[in-house]
Amino acid sequence: LDRVSEAVATVLAEERPSVLLLQYTEQGGEVAVNVPPAAWLQTTLVELAGGEPVWLDAAGSGWTVVDLEQIAAWGPDYVFVIYYGGDPAPAVEALRADANWAALKAVREGNLLAFPGDFVSWDQPDPRWILGLEWLANQLLPEGSFSFNAQVEMQAFYEQLYGLDKTVFETEVLPLLNGDYEP
């Protein structure tokens, strides 16, 4: 947290990117995207990582459905997709393939990304949130101001918090890593 805070402190407020963090859901064949409440961890992660959440005026007391028209009006620099049903990468690919989504600035600039996870998504109120914060900071901060290697950080995390050695980590945990991460 200190490492992220120090890196974020070097970025002027007006240089911070606008960010939209969405939960992708599919229920009954219908796709919906939702934004978190202002007081939830997901919003806090974006702010701590140096992003400016665009959805605060639409946030309710739980996940709130938003439509593409609202997303286009916000025009975020980055869109991060969370999918609690498993690997978010296919959901992101489906959005990228949609002509309406392809018109969004974040998508055109390659900034529509799948939020990573392993056993669970790294945006949840679980010890892994720190991995999510580091990953977000690595995406949002100017190049060279913060470095995050998912495999190295995950291995250190699992060793320190759960006492897992490198072999157990590589065989049992690493294969579960999903989302848009760089090894």
C-alpha atoms as a PDB file:
ATOM      1  CA  LEU A   1       0.000   0.000   0.000  1.00  0.00           C
ATOM      2  CA  ASP A   2       2.847   2.372   0.824  1.00  0.00           C
ATOM      3  CA  ARG A   3       4.552   1.611  -2.486  1.00  0.00           C
ATOM      4  CA  VAL A   4       1.354   2.409  -4.414  1.00  0.00           C
ATOM      5  CA  SER A   5       0.659   5.541  -2.340  1.00  0.00           C
ATOM      6  CA  GLU A   6       4.162   6.868  -2.974  1.00  0.00           C
ATOM      7  CA  ALA A   7       3.822   6.333  -6.741  1.00  0.00           C
ATOM      8  CA  VAL A   8       0.345   7.908  -6.862  1.00  0.00           C
ATOM      9  CA  ALA A   9       1.565  10.942  -4.906  1.00  0.00           C
ATOM     10  CA  THR A  10       3.872  11.828  -7.810  1.00  0.00           C
ATOM     11  CA  VAL A  11       0.924  12.203 -10.230  1.00  0.00           C
ATOM     12  CA  LEU A  12      -0.902  15.520 -10.355  1.00  0.00           C
ATOM     13  CA  ALA A  13      -4.668  15.306  -9.773  1.00  0.00           C
ATOM     14  CA  GLU A  14      -5.433  16.675 -13.255  1.00  0.00           C
ATOM     15  CA  GLU A  15      -3.260  13.957 -14.828  1.00  0.00           C
ATOM     16  CA  ARG A  16      -5.152  11.077 -13.241  1.00  0.00           C
ATOM     17  CA  PRO A  17      -7.128   9.004 -15.726  1.00  0.00           C
ATOM     18  CA  SER A  18     -10.893   8.668 -15.597  1.00  0.00           C
ATOM     19  CA  VAL A  19     -11.877   5.102 -14.762  1.00  0.00           C
ATOM     20  CA  LEU A  20     -14.982   2.958 -15.020  1.00  0.00           C
ATOM     21  CA  LEU A  21     -14.996  -0.300 -13.095  1.00  0.00           C
ATOM     22  CA  LEU A  22     -17.841  -2.640 -14.058  1.00  0.00           C
ATOM     23  CA  GLN A  23     -19.210  -5.948 -12.927  1.00  0.00           C
ATOM     24  CA  TYR A  24     -20.298  -7.998 -15.951  1.00  0.00           C
ATOM     25  CA  THR A  25     -23.236 -10.346 -15.398  1.00  0.00           C
ATOM     26  CA  GLU A  26     -25.182 -12.782 -17.541  1.00  0.00           C
ATOM     27  CA  GLN A  27     -28.507 -13.851 -16.133  1.00  0.00           C
ATOM     28  CA  GLY A  28     -31.143 -15.572 -18.186  1.00  0.00           C
ATOM     29  CA  GLY A  29     -29.204 -14.845 -21.358  1.00  0.00           C
ATOM     30  CA  GLU A  30     -29.190 -11.093 -20.641  1.00  0.00           C
ATOM     31  CA  VAL A  31     -25.932  -9.212 -20.242  1.00  0.00           C
ATOM     32  CA  ALA A  32     -25.766  -6.366 -17.749  1.00  0.00           C
ATOM     33  CA  VAL A  33     -22.964  -4.166 -16.482  1.00  0.00           C
ATOM     34  CA  ASN A  34     -23.052  -2.721 -12.996  1.00  0.00           C
ATOM     35  CA  VAL A  35     -21.112  -0.112 -11.025  1.00  0.00           C
ATOM     36  CA  PRO A  36     -20.255  -0.404  -7.319  1.00  0.00           C
ATOM     37  CA  PRO A  37     -21.349   1.986  -4.578  1.00  0.00           C
ATOM     38  CA  ALA A  38     -19.062   4.891  -3.737  1.00  0.00           C
ATOM     39  CA  ALA A  39     -18.224   3.443  -0.317  1.00  0.00           C
ATOM     40  CA  TRP A  40     -17.285  -0.061  -1.485  1.00  0.00           C
ATOM     41  CA  LEU A  41     -13.785  -1.449  -1.855  1.00  0.00           C
ATOM     42  CA  GLN A  42     -13.921  -1.439  -5.656  1.00  0.00           C
ATOM     43  CA  THR A  43     -14.268   2.353  -5.696  1.00  0.00           C
ATOM     44  CA  THR A  44     -11.587   2.745  -3.062  1.00  0.00           C
ATOM     45  CA  LEU A  45      -9.194   0.600  -5.107  1.00  0.00           C
ATOM     46  CA  VAL A  46      -9.612   2.855  -8.145  1.00  0.00           C
ATOM     47  CA  GLU A  47      -8.990   5.961  -6.047  1.00  0.00           C
ATOM     48  CA  LEU A  48      -5.981   4.496  -4.218  1.00  0.00           C
ATOM     49  CA  ALA A  49      -4.462   3.382  -7.551  1.00  0.00           C
ATOM     50  CA  GLY A  50      -4.579   6.930  -8.916  1.00  0.00           C
ATOM     51  CA  GLY A  51      -7.774   6.794 -10.953  1.00  0.00           C
ATOM     52  CA  GLU A  52     -10.813   9.058 -10.922  1.00  0.00           C
ATOM     53  CA  PRO A  53     -14.039   6.999 -10.715  1.00  0.00           C
ATOM     54  CA  VAL A  54     -16.588   8.316 -13.226  1.00  0.00           C
ATOM     55  CA  TRP A  55     -19.614   6.496 -11.816  1.00  0.00           C
ATOM     56  CA  LEU A  56     -20.022   8.107  -8.409  1.00  0.00           C
ATOM     57  CA  ASP A  57     -23.155  10.043  -9.396  1.00  0.00           C
ATOM     58  CA  ALA A  58     -24.856   6.805 -10.521  1.00  0.00           C
ATOM     59  CA  ALA A  59     -23.766   4.599  -7.626  1.00  0.00           C
ATOM     60  CA  GLY A  60     -26.501   3.194  -5.423  1.00  0.00           C
ATOM     61  CA  SER A  61     -26.323   1.156  -2.227  1.00  0.00           C
ATOM     62  CA  GLY A  62     -25.422  -2.029  -4.127  1.00  0.00           C
ATOM     63  CA  TRP A  63     -24.231  -2.887  -7.616  1.00  0.00           C
ATOM     64  CA  THR A  64     -26.187  -0.571  -9.936  1.00  0.00           C
ATOM     65  CA  VAL A  65     -26.956  -1.393 -13.576  1.00  0.00           C
ATOM     66  CA  VAL A  66     -25.756   1.195 -16.097  1.00  0.00           C
ATOM     67  CA  ASP A  67     -26.361   1.307 -19.822  1.00  0.00           C
ATOM     68  CA  LEU A  68     -24.024   1.942 -22.718  1.00  0.00           C
ATOM     69  CA  GLU A  69     -25.428   5.427 -23.252  1.00  0.00           C
ATOM     70  CA  GLN A  70     -24.348   6.406 -19.736  1.00  0.00           C
ATOM     71  CA  ILE A  71     -20.952   4.777 -20.208  1.00  0.00           C
ATOM     72  CA  ALA A  72     -20.433   6.693 -23.465  1.00  0.00           C
ATOM     73  CA  ALA A  73     -21.416   9.951 -21.728  1.00  0.00           C
ATOM     74  CA  TRP A  74     -18.811   9.338 -19.038  1.00  0.00           C
ATOM     75  CA  GLY A  75     -16.174   8.613 -21.721  1.00  0.00           C
ATOM     76  CA  PRO A  76     -13.670   6.989 -19.359  1.00  0.00           C
ATOM     77  CA  ASP A  77     -10.004   6.597 -20.220  1.00  0.00           C
ATOM     78  CA  TYR A  78     -10.070   3.058 -18.785  1.00  0.00           C
ATOM     79  CA  VAL A  79     -12.760   0.418 -18.306  1.00  0.00           C
ATOM     80  CA  PHE A  80     -12.037  -2.517 -16.007  1.00  0.00           C
ATOM     81  CA  VAL A  81     -14.364  -5.515 -16.092  1.00  0.00           C
ATOM     82  CA  ILE A  82     -14.994  -7.813 -13.151  1.00  0.00           C
ATOM     83  CA  TYR A  83     -16.751 -11.110 -13.719  1.00  0.00           C
ATOM     84  CA  TYR A  84     -17.576 -13.164 -10.644  1.00  0.00           C
ATOM     85  CA  GLY A  85     -18.630 -16.116 -12.797  1.00  0.00           C
ATOM     86  CA  GLY A  86     -15.034 -17.052 -13.629  1.00  0.00           C
ATOM     87  CA  ASP A  87     -12.389 -15.731 -15.997  1.00  0.00           C
ATOM     88  CA  PRO A  88     -13.372 -12.191 -17.087  1.00  0.00           C
ATOM     89  CA  ALA A  89     -11.347 -12.380 -20.341  1.00  0.00           C
ATOM     90  CA  PRO A  90     -14.199 -13.885 -22.449  1.00  0.00           C
ATOM     91  CA  ALA A  91     -16.578 -11.184 -21.181  1.00  0.00           C
ATOM     92  CA  VAL A  92     -14.088  -8.494 -22.191  1.00  0.00           C
ATOM     93  CA  GLU A  93     -13.637 -10.088 -25.608  1.00  0.00           C
ATOM     94  CA  ALA A  94     -17.413 -10.103 -26.099  1.00  0.00           C
ATOM     95  CA  LEU A  95     -17.547  -6.386 -25.257  1.00  0.00           C
ATOM     96  CA  ARG A  96     -14.641  -5.607 -27.594  1.00  0.00           C
ATOM     97  CA  ALA A  97     -16.438  -7.466 -30.403  1.00  0.00           C
ATOM     98  CA  ASP A  98     -19.589  -5.392 -29.933  1.00  0.00           C
ATOM     99  CA  ALA A  99     -19.663  -2.490 -32.427  1.00  0.00           C
ATOM    100  CA  ASN A 100     -21.251  -0.150 -29.889  1.00  0.00           C
ATOM    101  CA  TRP A 101     -18.576  -0.836 -27.302  1.00  0.00           C
ATOM    102  CA  ALA A 102     -15.840  -0.577 -29.945  1.00  0.00           C
ATOM    103  CA  ALA A 103     -16.781   3.094 -30.399  1.00  0.00           C
ATOM    104  CA  LEU A 104     -15.848   3.937 -26.794  1.00  0.00           C
ATOM    105  CA  LYS A 105     -12.590   5.810 -26.237  1.00  0.00           C
ATOM    106  CA  ALA A 106     -11.260   3.262 -23.722  1.00  0.00           C
ATOM    107  CA  VAL A 107     -11.894   0.384 -26.116  1.00  0.00           C
ATOM    108  CA  ARG A 108     -10.374   2.201 -29.120  1.00  0.00           C
ATOM    109  CA  GLU A 109      -7.242   2.933 -27.079  1.00  0.00           C
ATOM    110  CA  GLY A 110      -6.874  -0.645 -25.804  1.00  0.00           C
ATOM    111  CA  ASN A 111      -7.903   0.248 -22.264  1.00  0.00           C
ATOM    112  CA  LEU A 112     -10.782  -2.215 -21.785  1.00  0.00           C
ATOM    113  CA  LEU A 113      -9.243  -4.751 -19.425  1.00  0.00           C
ATOM    114  CA  ALA A 114     -10.295  -7.844 -17.493  1.00  0.00           C
ATOM    115  CA  PHE A 115      -9.693  -7.429 -13.753  1.00  0.00           C
ATOM    116  CA  PRO A 116      -7.475 -10.335 -12.663  1.00  0.00           C
ATOM    117  CA  GLY A 117      -8.037 -12.922 -10.018  1.00  0.00           C
ATOM    118  CA  ASP A 118      -7.109 -16.405  -8.960  1.00  0.00           C
ATOM    119  CA  PHE A 119      -9.402 -18.230  -6.530  1.00  0.00           C
ATOM    120  CA  VAL A 120     -11.500 -15.043  -6.456  1.00  0.00           C
ATOM    121  CA  SER A 121     -11.376 -11.695  -8.241  1.00  0.00           C
ATOM    122  CA  TRP A 122      -8.793  -9.342  -6.759  1.00  0.00           C
ATOM    123  CA  ASP A 123     -11.371  -6.592  -6.235  1.00  0.00           C
ATOM    124  CA  GLN A 124     -13.166  -8.288  -3.343  1.00  0.00           C
ATOM    125  CA  PRO A 125     -12.826  -7.581   0.390  1.00  0.00           C
ATOM    126  CA  ASP A 126     -10.411 -10.480   0.758  1.00  0.00           C
ATOM    127  CA  PRO A 127      -6.648 -10.282   1.400  1.00  0.00           C
ATOM    128  CA  ARG A 128      -6.075 -10.412  -2.381  1.00  0.00           C
ATOM    129  CA  TRP A 129      -7.357  -6.838  -2.737  1.00  0.00           C
ATOM    130  CA  ILE A 130      -3.759  -5.671  -2.349  1.00  0.00           C
ATOM    131  CA  LEU A 131      -2.861  -7.577  -5.535  1.00  0.00           C
ATOM    132  CA  GLY A 132      -5.779  -5.852  -7.254  1.00  0.00           C
ATOM    133  CA  LEU A 133      -4.564  -2.469  -6.050  1.00  0.00           C
ATOM    134  CA  GLU A 134      -1.037  -3.086  -7.301  1.00  0.00           C
ATOM    135  CA  TRP A 135      -2.344  -4.321 -10.660  1.00  0.00           C
ATOM    136  CA  LEU A 136      -4.605  -1.267 -11.032  1.00  0.00           C
ATOM    137  CA  ALA A 137      -1.779   1.120 -10.144  1.00  0.00           C
ATOM    138  CA  ASN A 138       0.402  -0.571 -12.751  1.00  0.00           C
ATOM    139  CA  GLN A 139      -2.317   0.046 -15.361  1.00  0.00           C
ATOM    140  CA  LEU A 140      -3.188   3.627 -14.394  1.00  0.00           C
ATOM    141  CA  LEU A 141       0.066   5.293 -13.417  1.00  0.00           C
ATOM    142  CA  PRO A 142       2.434   6.739 -16.020  1.00  0.00           C
ATOM    143  CA  GLU A 143       4.765   4.152 -17.497  1.00  0.00           C
ATOM    144  CA  GLY A 144       7.811   3.582 -15.360  1.00  0.00           C
ATOM    145  CA  SER A 145       6.357   5.056 -12.168  1.00  0.00           C
ATOM    146  CA  PHE A 146       5.098   1.743 -10.760  1.00  0.00           C
ATOM    147  CA  SER A 147       6.083  -1.838 -11.490  1.00  0.00           C
ATOM    148  CA  PHE A 148       3.964  -4.930 -10.877  1.00  0.00           C
ATOM    149  CA  ASN A 149       4.847  -8.464 -11.920  1.00  0.00           C
ATOM    150  CA  ALA A 150       1.797 -10.637 -11.212  1.00  0.00           C
ATOM    151  CA  GLN A 151       3.680 -13.895 -10.798  1.00  0.00           C
ATOM    152  CA  VAL A 152       6.370 -12.464  -8.510  1.00  0.00           C
ATOM    153  CA  GLU A 153       3.885 -10.529  -6.358  1.00  0.00           C
ATOM    154  CA  MET A 154       1.468 -13.455  -6.155  1.00  0.00           C
ATOM    155  CA  GLN A 155       4.196 -15.870  -5.117  1.00  0.00           C
ATOM    156  CA  ALA A 156       5.378 -13.498  -2.376  1.00  0.00           C
ATOM    157  CA  PHE A 157       1.752 -12.957  -1.280  1.00  0.00           C
ATOM    158  CA  TYR A 158       0.964 -16.674  -1.012  1.00  0.00           C
ATOM    159  CA  GLU A 159       4.259 -17.445   0.683  1.00  0.00           C
ATOM    160  CA  GLN A 160       3.901 -14.675   3.278  1.00  0.00           C
ATOM    161  CA  LEU A 161       0.180 -15.015   4.002  1.00  0.00           C
ATOM    162  CA  TYR A 162      -0.386 -18.729   3.544  1.00  0.00           C
ATOM    163  CA  GLY A 163       3.065 -20.283   3.893  1.00  0.00           C
ATOM    164  CA  LEU A 164       2.916 -21.895   0.442  1.00  0.00           C
ATOM    165  CA  ASP A 165       6.253 -22.823  -1.088  1.00  0.00           C
ATOM    166  CA  LYS A 166       7.159 -22.107  -4.710  1.00  0.00           C
ATOM    167  CA  THR A 167       6.211 -25.583  -5.949  1.00  0.00           C
ATOM    168  CA  VAL A 168       2.729 -25.500  -4.415  1.00  0.00           C
ATOM    169  CA  PHE A 169       2.244 -21.979  -5.693  1.00  0.00           C
ATOM    170  CA  GLU A 170       3.281 -22.900  -9.249  1.00  0.00           C
ATOM    171  CA  THR A 171       1.178 -26.075  -9.409  1.00  0.00           C
ATOM    172  CA  GLU A 172      -1.930 -25.105  -7.426  1.00  0.00           C
ATOM    173  CA  VAL A 173      -2.318 -21.323  -7.549  1.00  0.00           C
ATOM    174  CA  LEU A 174      -0.616 -19.943 -10.654  1.00  0.00           C
ATOM    175  CA  PRO A 175      -2.770 -21.975 -13.064  1.00  0.00           C
ATOM    176  CA  LEU A 176      -5.832 -20.182 -11.630  1.00  0.00           C
ATOM    177  CA  LEU A 177      -4.561 -16.700 -12.544  1.00  0.00           C
ATOM    178  CA  ASN A 178      -6.950 -15.089 -15.013  1.00  0.00           C
ATOM    179  CA  GLY A 179      -7.792 -11.676 -16.424  1.00  0.00           C
ATOM    180  CA  ASP A 180      -5.483  -9.188 -18.129  1.00  0.00           C
ATOM    181  CA  TYR A 181      -2.199  -9.487 -16.353  1.00  0.00           C
ATOM    182  CA  GLU A 182       1.366  -9.511 -17.506  1.00  0.00           C
ATOM    183  CA  PRO A 183       3.515 -12.320 -16.070  1.00  0.00           C
END
